[in-house]
Amino acid sequence: MSETENATTDWWPRMSDEAANAEARRIIDDVYRPTPPPALILTSYRDDTEPPTVGDAPPVWQDDRRIVPAWAAGTAVASLGIGAGTTGIGCGIWLVLKGFASMSVTGVICMGVLLSGIAFAALSIGAALSRARRSVSHAVYTGPVTKHTHVTTHTRGAFARSHTHLHN
């Protein structure tokens, strides 16, 4: 016997070709079978229970404690609007003048500064007039008002740290 025949007899009994093809088809189908999509996992939860009420007191007015006064915020917003409008007007003027003559960037900037100056002057005049027309309101008290203020100051230490306490 040759070596090839010995090698084939060592593997006896072998699968038939039909069984080998069926097994190969089963393995390929198992590998390429589409997997089902994973189960959905909830990522949020809404609690619809009513929050408990605590006490029976009516809501209390909370004072408006802004860091910036309302007139300053209004002036800032108006300044931004004027700046944006001036930029648009300046770009429009630049486009018009670009067709008539070759205008430099410096000229456009100078016109923008001029228009911005005019707009800010109008804003400041308007703000001054609105403050001048605003009526002065003062509180009218019906009884005597007495305010006792006592200030205590302590200065101590090598570098003179001062602590001031205000007692009403």
C-alpha atoms as a PDB file:
ATOM      1  CA  MET A   1       0.000   0.000   0.000  1.00  0.00           C
ATOM      2  CA  SER A   2       1.094   3.510  -0.698  1.00  0.00           C
ATOM      3  CA  GLU A   3       1.082   6.337   1.814  1.00  0.00           C
ATOM      4  CA  THR A   4      -1.968   7.918   0.271  1.00  0.00           C
ATOM      5  CA  GLU A   5      -4.003   4.786   0.706  1.00  0.00           C
ATOM      6  CA  ASN A   6      -2.862   4.446   4.344  1.00  0.00           C
ATOM      7  CA  ALA A   7      -3.895   8.054   5.019  1.00  0.00           C
ATOM      8  CA  THR A   8      -7.383   7.499   3.587  1.00  0.00           C
ATOM      9  CA  THR A   9      -7.943   4.290   5.489  1.00  0.00           C
ATOM     10  CA  ASP A  10      -7.049   6.004   8.781  1.00  0.00           C
ATOM     11  CA  TRP A  11     -10.086   8.273   8.372  1.00  0.00           C
ATOM     12  CA  TRP A  12     -12.548   5.494   7.738  1.00  0.00           C
ATOM     13  CA  PRO A  13     -15.624   5.677   8.048  1.00  0.00           C
ATOM     14  CA  ARG A  14     -15.955   8.908   6.122  1.00  0.00           C
ATOM     15  CA  MET A  15     -19.074  11.029   5.460  1.00  0.00           C
ATOM     16  CA  SER A  16     -20.763  10.618   2.191  1.00  0.00           C
ATOM     17  CA  ASP A  17     -20.661  13.581  -0.164  1.00  0.00           C
ATOM     18  CA  GLU A  18     -24.368  14.251   0.395  1.00  0.00           C
ATOM     19  CA  ALA A  19     -23.964  14.267   4.200  1.00  0.00           C
ATOM     20  CA  ALA A  20     -20.878  16.522   3.951  1.00  0.00           C
ATOM     21  CA  ASN A  21     -22.744  18.958   1.697  1.00  0.00           C
ATOM     22  CA  ALA A  22     -25.729  18.982   4.066  1.00  0.00           C
ATOM     23  CA  GLU A  23     -23.455  19.603   7.089  1.00  0.00           C
ATOM     24  CA  ALA A  24     -21.608  22.393   5.255  1.00  0.00           C
ATOM     25  CA  ARG A  25     -24.935  23.976   4.268  1.00  0.00           C
ATOM     26  CA  ARG A  26     -26.114  23.800   7.928  1.00  0.00           C
ATOM     27  CA  ILE A  27     -22.896  25.442   9.206  1.00  0.00           C
ATOM     28  CA  ILE A  28     -23.056  28.206   6.590  1.00  0.00           C
ATOM     29  CA  ASP A  29     -26.722  28.864   7.340  1.00  0.00           C
ATOM     30  CA  ASP A  30     -25.974  29.072  11.082  1.00  0.00           C
ATOM     31  CA  VAL A  31     -23.174  31.565  10.511  1.00  0.00           C
ATOM     32  CA  TYR A  32     -25.109  33.819   8.127  1.00  0.00           C
ATOM     33  CA  ARG A  33     -28.497  33.622   9.848  1.00  0.00           C
ATOM     34  CA  PRO A  34     -29.686  37.146  10.685  1.00  0.00           C
ATOM     35  CA  THR A  35     -29.756  37.744  14.403  1.00  0.00           C
ATOM     36  CA  PRO A  36     -32.971  39.074  15.893  1.00  0.00           C
ATOM     37  CA  PRO A  37     -32.811  42.725  17.016  1.00  0.00           C
ATOM     38  CA  PRO A  38     -32.029  43.190  20.705  1.00  0.00           C
ATOM     39  CA  ALA A  39     -34.900  43.792  23.073  1.00  0.00           C
ATOM     40  CA  LEU A  40     -35.729  47.479  23.612  1.00  0.00           C
ATOM     41  CA  ILE A  41     -34.351  48.943  26.817  1.00  0.00           C
ATOM     42  CA  LEU A  42     -36.269  51.849  28.301  1.00  0.00           C
ATOM     43  CA  THR A  43     -34.066  54.911  28.738  1.00  0.00           C
ATOM     44  CA  SER A  44     -36.544  57.242  30.402  1.00  0.00           C
ATOM     45  CA  TYR A  45     -39.354  57.097  32.890  1.00  0.00           C
ATOM     46  CA  ARG A  46     -42.185  59.557  33.500  1.00  0.00           C
ATOM     47  CA  ASP A  47     -43.706  59.630  36.950  1.00  0.00           C
ATOM     48  CA  ASP A  48     -47.295  60.806  36.548  1.00  0.00           C
ATOM     49  CA  THR A  49     -48.193  60.875  40.221  1.00  0.00           C
ATOM     50  CA  GLU A  50     -49.282  64.259  41.567  1.00  0.00           C
ATOM     51  CA  PRO A  51     -46.704  65.998  43.774  1.00  0.00           C
ATOM     52  CA  PRO A  52     -47.801  66.294  47.373  1.00  0.00           C
ATOM     53  CA  THR A  53     -49.065  69.644  48.585  1.00  0.00           C
ATOM     54  CA  VAL A  54     -47.292  71.051  51.589  1.00  0.00           C
ATOM     55  CA  GLY A  55     -49.328  73.488  53.633  1.00  0.00           C
ATOM     56  CA  ASP A  56     -52.113  75.771  52.493  1.00  0.00           C
ATOM     57  CA  ALA A  57     -50.279  79.103  52.199  1.00  0.00           C
ATOM     58  CA  PRO A  58     -50.809  81.103  49.000  1.00  0.00           C
ATOM     59  CA  PRO A  59     -47.812  81.790  46.772  1.00  0.00           C
ATOM     60  CA  VAL A  60     -45.574  84.633  47.884  1.00  0.00           C
ATOM     61  CA  TRP A  61     -44.393  87.380  45.537  1.00  0.00           C
ATOM     62  CA  GLN A  62     -40.659  87.101  44.865  1.00  0.00           C
ATOM     63  CA  ASP A  63     -38.925  90.440  44.350  1.00  0.00           C
ATOM     64  CA  ASP A  64     -37.087  90.966  41.071  1.00  0.00           C
ATOM     65  CA  ARG A  65     -33.428  91.132  41.969  1.00  0.00           C
ATOM     66  CA  ARG A  66     -31.565  91.737  38.751  1.00  0.00           C
ATOM     67  CA  ILE A  67     -27.884  92.457  38.675  1.00  0.00           C
ATOM     68  CA  VAL A  68     -28.211  94.828  35.701  1.00  0.00           C
ATOM     69  CA  PRO A  69     -30.805  97.621  35.826  1.00  0.00           C
ATOM     70  CA  ALA A  70     -33.528  97.461  33.203  1.00  0.00           C
ATOM     71  CA  TRP A  71     -32.441 100.731  31.543  1.00  0.00           C
ATOM     72  CA  ALA A  72     -28.872  99.424  31.147  1.00  0.00           C
ATOM     73  CA  ALA A  73     -30.090  96.181  29.578  1.00  0.00           C
ATOM     74  CA  GLY A  74     -32.347  98.149  27.226  1.00  0.00           C
ATOM     75  CA  THR A  75     -29.507 100.419  26.229  1.00  0.00           C
ATOM     76  CA  ALA A  76     -27.255  97.418  25.564  1.00  0.00           C
ATOM     77  CA  VAL A  77     -29.868  95.731  23.399  1.00  0.00           C
ATOM     78  CA  ALA A  78     -30.476  98.978  21.505  1.00  0.00           C
ATOM     79  CA  SER A  79     -26.722  99.373  20.986  1.00  0.00           C
ATOM     80  CA  LEU A  80     -26.483  95.887  19.535  1.00  0.00           C
ATOM     81  CA  GLY A  81     -29.410  96.576  17.228  1.00  0.00           C
ATOM     82  CA  ILE A  82     -27.939  99.869  16.096  1.00  0.00           C
ATOM     83  CA  GLY A  83     -24.576  98.224  15.474  1.00  0.00           C
ATOM     84  CA  ALA A  84     -26.135  95.460  13.396  1.00  0.00           C
ATOM     85  CA  GLY A  85     -28.259  97.953  11.457  1.00  0.00           C
ATOM     86  CA  THR A  86     -25.291 100.204  10.876  1.00  0.00           C
ATOM     87  CA  THR A  87     -23.295  97.270   9.567  1.00  0.00           C
ATOM     88  CA  GLY A  88     -26.068  96.401   7.125  1.00  0.00           C
ATOM     89  CA  ILE A  89     -26.402 100.002   5.976  1.00  0.00           C
ATOM     90  CA  GLY A  90     -22.634 100.288   5.624  1.00  0.00           C
ATOM     91  CA  CYS A  91     -22.496  97.115   3.530  1.00  0.00           C
ATOM     92  CA  GLY A  92     -25.305  98.432   1.352  1.00  0.00           C
ATOM     93  CA  ILE A  93     -23.531 101.749   0.848  1.00  0.00           C
ATOM     94  CA  TRP A  94     -20.325  99.892   0.080  1.00  0.00           C
ATOM     95  CA  LEU A  95     -22.063  97.789  -2.554  1.00  0.00           C
ATOM     96  CA  VAL A  96     -23.623 100.888  -4.156  1.00  0.00           C
ATOM     97  CA  LEU A  97     -20.403 102.840  -4.185  1.00  0.00           C
ATOM     98  CA  LYS A  98     -18.417  99.834  -5.376  1.00  0.00           C
ATOM     99  CA  GLY A  99     -20.233 100.077  -8.701  1.00  0.00           C
ATOM    100  CA  PHE A 100     -19.476 103.803  -9.115  1.00  0.00           C
ATOM    101  CA  ALA A 101     -15.890 103.820  -8.017  1.00  0.00           C
ATOM    102  CA  SER A 102     -13.381 101.477  -6.536  1.00  0.00           C
ATOM    103  CA  MET A 103     -13.749 102.317  -2.861  1.00  0.00           C
ATOM    104  CA  SER A 104     -11.131 101.156  -0.379  1.00  0.00           C
ATOM    105  CA  VAL A 105     -11.826  99.205   2.798  1.00  0.00           C
ATOM    106  CA  THR A 106     -10.635 102.183   4.801  1.00  0.00           C
ATOM    107  CA  GLY A 107     -13.354 104.326   3.234  1.00  0.00           C
ATOM    108  CA  VAL A 108     -16.007 101.757   4.105  1.00  0.00           C
ATOM    109  CA  ILE A 109     -14.772 101.601   7.691  1.00  0.00           C
ATOM    110  CA  CYS A 110     -14.824 105.404   7.944  1.00  0.00           C
ATOM    111  CA  MET A 111     -18.422 105.491   6.682  1.00  0.00           C
ATOM    112  CA  GLY A 112     -19.365 102.767   9.151  1.00  0.00           C
ATOM    113  CA  VAL A 113     -17.787 104.711  12.002  1.00  0.00           C
ATOM    114  CA  LEU A 114     -19.617 107.843  10.882  1.00  0.00           C
ATOM    115  CA  LEU A 115     -22.988 106.080  10.751  1.00  0.00           C
ATOM    116  CA  SER A 116     -22.317 104.345  14.075  1.00  0.00           C
ATOM    117  CA  GLY A 117     -21.512 107.686  15.666  1.00  0.00           C
ATOM    118  CA  ILE A 118     -24.728 109.208  14.368  1.00  0.00           C
ATOM    119  CA  ALA A 119     -26.746 106.220  15.603  1.00  0.00           C
ATOM    120  CA  PHE A 120     -25.169 106.256  19.062  1.00  0.00           C
ATOM    121  CA  ALA A 121     -25.705 110.010  19.340  1.00  0.00           C
ATOM    122  CA  ALA A 122     -29.385 109.486  18.515  1.00  0.00           C
ATOM    123  CA  LEU A 123     -29.546 106.712  21.114  1.00  0.00           C
ATOM    124  CA  SER A 124     -27.986 108.853  23.837  1.00  0.00           C
ATOM    125  CA  ILE A 125     -30.279 111.811  23.040  1.00  0.00           C
ATOM    126  CA  GLY A 126     -33.306 109.508  23.133  1.00  0.00           C
ATOM    127  CA  ALA A 127     -32.212 107.988  26.449  1.00  0.00           C
ATOM    128  CA  ALA A 128     -31.663 111.438  27.959  1.00  0.00           C
ATOM    129  CA  LEU A 129     -35.082 112.645  26.784  1.00  0.00           C
ATOM    130  CA  SER A 130     -36.843 109.550  28.117  1.00  0.00           C
ATOM    131  CA  ARG A 131     -35.226 110.000  31.522  1.00  0.00           C
ATOM    132  CA  ALA A 132     -36.079 113.695  31.570  1.00  0.00           C
ATOM    133  CA  ARG A 133     -39.752 113.005  30.781  1.00  0.00           C
ATOM    134  CA  ARG A 134     -40.020 110.228  33.338  1.00  0.00           C
ATOM    135  CA  SER A 135     -41.910 111.356  36.407  1.00  0.00           C
ATOM    136  CA  VAL A 136     -40.260 111.139  39.764  1.00  0.00           C
ATOM    137  CA  SER A 137     -42.186 108.810  42.024  1.00  0.00           C
ATOM    138  CA  HIS A 138     -41.746 108.870  45.760  1.00  0.00           C
ATOM    139  CA  ALA A 139     -43.398 106.983  48.549  1.00  0.00           C
ATOM    140  CA  VAL A 140     -45.949 108.771  50.711  1.00  0.00           C
ATOM    141  CA  TYR A 141     -45.943 107.633  54.320  1.00  0.00           C
ATOM    142  CA  THR A 142     -48.874 108.237  56.645  1.00  0.00           C
ATOM    143  CA  GLY A 143     -47.016 107.802  59.898  1.00  0.00           C
ATOM    144  CA  PRO A 144     -43.687 108.712  61.430  1.00  0.00           C
ATOM    145  CA  VAL A 145     -40.725 106.715  60.190  1.00  0.00           C
ATOM    146  CA  THR A 146     -37.808 106.108  62.496  1.00  0.00           C
ATOM    147  CA  LYS A 147     -34.713 104.264  61.420  1.00  0.00           C
ATOM    148  CA  HIS A 148     -32.140 103.280  63.981  1.00  0.00           C
ATOM    149  CA  THR A 149     -28.816 102.385  62.426  1.00  0.00           C
ATOM    150  CA  HIS A 150     -25.819 101.370  64.479  1.00  0.00           C
ATOM    151  CA  VAL A 151     -22.462 100.677  62.863  1.00  0.00           C
ATOM    152  CA  THR A 152     -19.736  98.754  64.671  1.00  0.00           C
ATOM    153  CA  THR A 153     -16.217  98.708  63.222  1.00  0.00           C
ATOM    154  CA  HIS A 154     -13.363  96.548  64.449  1.00  0.00           C
ATOM    155  CA  THR A 155      -9.852  97.148  63.140  1.00  0.00           C
ATOM    156  CA  ARG A 156      -7.131  94.796  64.181  1.00  0.00           C
ATOM    157  CA  GLY A 157      -4.073  92.947  62.952  1.00  0.00           C
ATOM    158  CA  ALA A 158      -0.672  93.861  61.596  1.00  0.00           C
ATOM    159  CA  PHE A 159      -2.114  94.867  58.229  1.00  0.00           C
ATOM    160  CA  ALA A 160      -5.230  96.573  59.661  1.00  0.00           C
ATOM    161  CA  ARG A 161      -8.092  94.287  58.669  1.00  0.00           C
ATOM    162  CA  SER A 162     -11.350  96.147  59.153  1.00  0.00           C
ATOM    163  CA  HIS A 163     -14.663  94.445  59.877  1.00  0.00           C
ATOM    164  CA  THR A 164     -17.735  96.641  59.686  1.00  0.00           C
ATOM    165  CA  HIS A 165     -21.073  95.388  61.042  1.00  0.00           C
ATOM    166  CA  LEU A 166     -24.343  97.183  60.327  1.00  0.00           C
ATOM    167  CA  HIS A 167     -27.078  96.725  62.929  1.00  0.00           C
ATOM    168  CA  ASN A 168     -30.612  97.882  62.124  1.00  0.00           C
END
